[in-house]
Amino acid sequence: MGVASYLVLVSEKPYHKALDIYGVQLAFNYLWPVFFFTLQAYLFSFIWLVLLWLLILAATVMFYRISKPAGYLMLPYLLWVTFAGYLNLSIYLLN
């Protein structure tokens, strides 16, 4: 993620909106463990994670349009959050 955002930052294409979306998804990412682990709000955490996933997808597409390697570097993060969503939903359903 860091390298991807750096590649976007140093590109010669307009990047402000892409980095704004990236910043918002970082804030969502920061808050998810608070909702999940501290508050144990599993359903809310899953919904939050779906919104996070959408923000990551938007950032990934925007990064790809600016720098193809930056877009590709975001894919493992997107896959990881997909897996986290699966686990989050499973925990909600089992409780």
Protein backbone atom coordinates (compact mmCIF):
# COMPACT_ATOMS: atom_id res chain seq x y z
CA MET A 1 0.00 0.00 0.00
CA GLY A 2 2.76 2.40 0.90
CA VAL A 3 4.72 1.74 -2.28
CA ALA A 4 1.53 2.00 -4.34
CA SER A 5 0.64 5.37 -2.83
CA TYR A 6 4.21 6.56 -3.39
CA LEU A 7 4.05 5.56 -7.07
CA VAL A 8 0.84 7.54 -7.42
CA LEU A 9 2.33 10.53 -5.59
CA VAL A 10 5.39 10.75 -7.82
CA SER A 11 3.46 10.22 -11.05
CA GLU A 12 2.95 13.13 -13.37
CA LYS A 13 -0.78 12.52 -13.65
CA PRO A 14 -3.38 14.21 -11.40
CA TYR A 15 -3.58 12.13 -8.25
CA HIS A 16 -5.31 14.17 -5.52
CA LYS A 17 -8.70 12.42 -5.70
CA ALA A 18 -7.03 8.98 -5.69
CA LEU A 19 -5.00 9.84 -2.60
CA ASP A 20 -8.08 11.31 -0.91
CA ILE A 21 -9.95 8.00 -1.38
CA TYR A 22 -6.81 6.20 -0.18
CA GLY A 23 -6.78 8.33 2.98
CA VAL A 24 -10.46 7.65 3.67
CA GLN A 25 -9.94 3.90 3.31
CA LEU A 26 -6.98 4.12 5.70
CA ALA A 27 -9.26 5.73 8.28
CA PHE A 28 -11.87 2.99 7.73
CA ASN A 29 -9.14 0.39 8.09
CA TYR A 30 -7.95 1.97 11.34
CA LEU A 31 -11.45 1.93 12.87
CA TRP A 32 -12.49 -1.60 11.90
CA PRO A 33 -10.52 -3.38 14.68
CA VAL A 34 -12.04 -1.00 17.23
CA PHE A 35 -15.54 -2.00 16.16
CA PHE A 36 -14.72 -5.69 15.84
CA PHE A 37 -12.39 -6.43 18.76
CA THR A 38 -13.14 -3.71 21.29
CA LEU A 39 -16.88 -3.25 20.82
CA GLN A 40 -17.54 -6.76 19.50
CA ALA A 41 -20.12 -5.29 17.11
CA TYR A 42 -19.75 -8.10 14.59
CA LEU A 43 -22.57 -7.21 12.20
CA PHE A 44 -21.67 -3.52 12.19
CA SER A 45 -18.03 -4.49 11.67
CA PHE A 46 -18.97 -6.60 8.66
CA ILE A 47 -20.97 -3.75 7.11
CA TRP A 48 -18.03 -1.42 7.83
CA LEU A 49 -15.71 -3.92 6.17
CA VAL A 50 -17.90 -4.03 3.06
CA LEU A 51 -17.65 -0.23 2.85
CA LEU A 52 -13.89 -0.51 3.37
CA TRP A 53 -13.70 -3.09 0.58
CA LEU A 54 -15.54 -0.73 -1.78
CA LEU A 55 -13.19 2.12 -0.88
CA ILE A 56 -10.17 -0.11 -1.49
CA LEU A 57 -11.60 -1.16 -4.84
CA ALA A 58 -12.14 2.49 -5.79
CA ALA A 59 -8.60 3.40 -4.72
CA THR A 60 -7.20 0.41 -6.61
CA VAL A 61 -8.98 1.38 -9.83
CA MET A 62 -7.88 5.00 -9.48
CA PHE A 63 -4.31 3.95 -8.72
CA TYR A 64 -4.32 1.64 -11.75
CA ARG A 65 -5.39 4.50 -14.02
CA ILE A 66 -2.49 6.59 -12.73
CA SER A 67 0.14 3.85 -12.44
CA LYS A 68 -0.45 0.24 -13.44
CA PRO A 69 2.12 -1.14 -10.92
CA ALA A 70 0.42 0.88 -8.15
CA GLY A 71 -2.92 -0.69 -9.02
CA TYR A 72 -1.43 -4.18 -9.01
CA LEU A 73 0.23 -3.55 -5.64
CA MET A 74 -3.18 -2.89 -4.10
CA LEU A 75 -4.60 -6.28 -5.12
CA PRO A 76 -3.16 -8.31 -2.19
CA TYR A 77 -4.71 -5.80 0.20
CA LEU A 78 -8.08 -6.17 -1.53
CA LEU A 79 -7.82 -9.96 -1.30
CA TRP A 80 -6.84 -9.79 2.36
CA VAL A 81 -9.84 -7.63 3.23
CA THR A 82 -12.05 -10.05 1.28
CA PHE A 83 -10.79 -12.88 3.48
CA ALA A 84 -11.22 -10.74 6.61
CA GLY A 85 -14.82 -10.11 5.55
CA TYR A 86 -15.42 -13.83 5.20
CA LEU A 87 -14.03 -14.40 8.70
CA ASN A 88 -15.97 -11.46 10.14
CA LEU A 89 -19.26 -12.71 8.69
CA SER A 90 -18.55 -16.25 9.91
CA ILE A 91 -17.94 -15.01 13.45
CA TYR A 92 -21.16 -12.99 13.33
CA LEU A 93 -23.17 -15.98 12.13
CA LEU A 94 -21.64 -18.32 14.71
CA ASN A 95 -22.42 -15.97 17.59
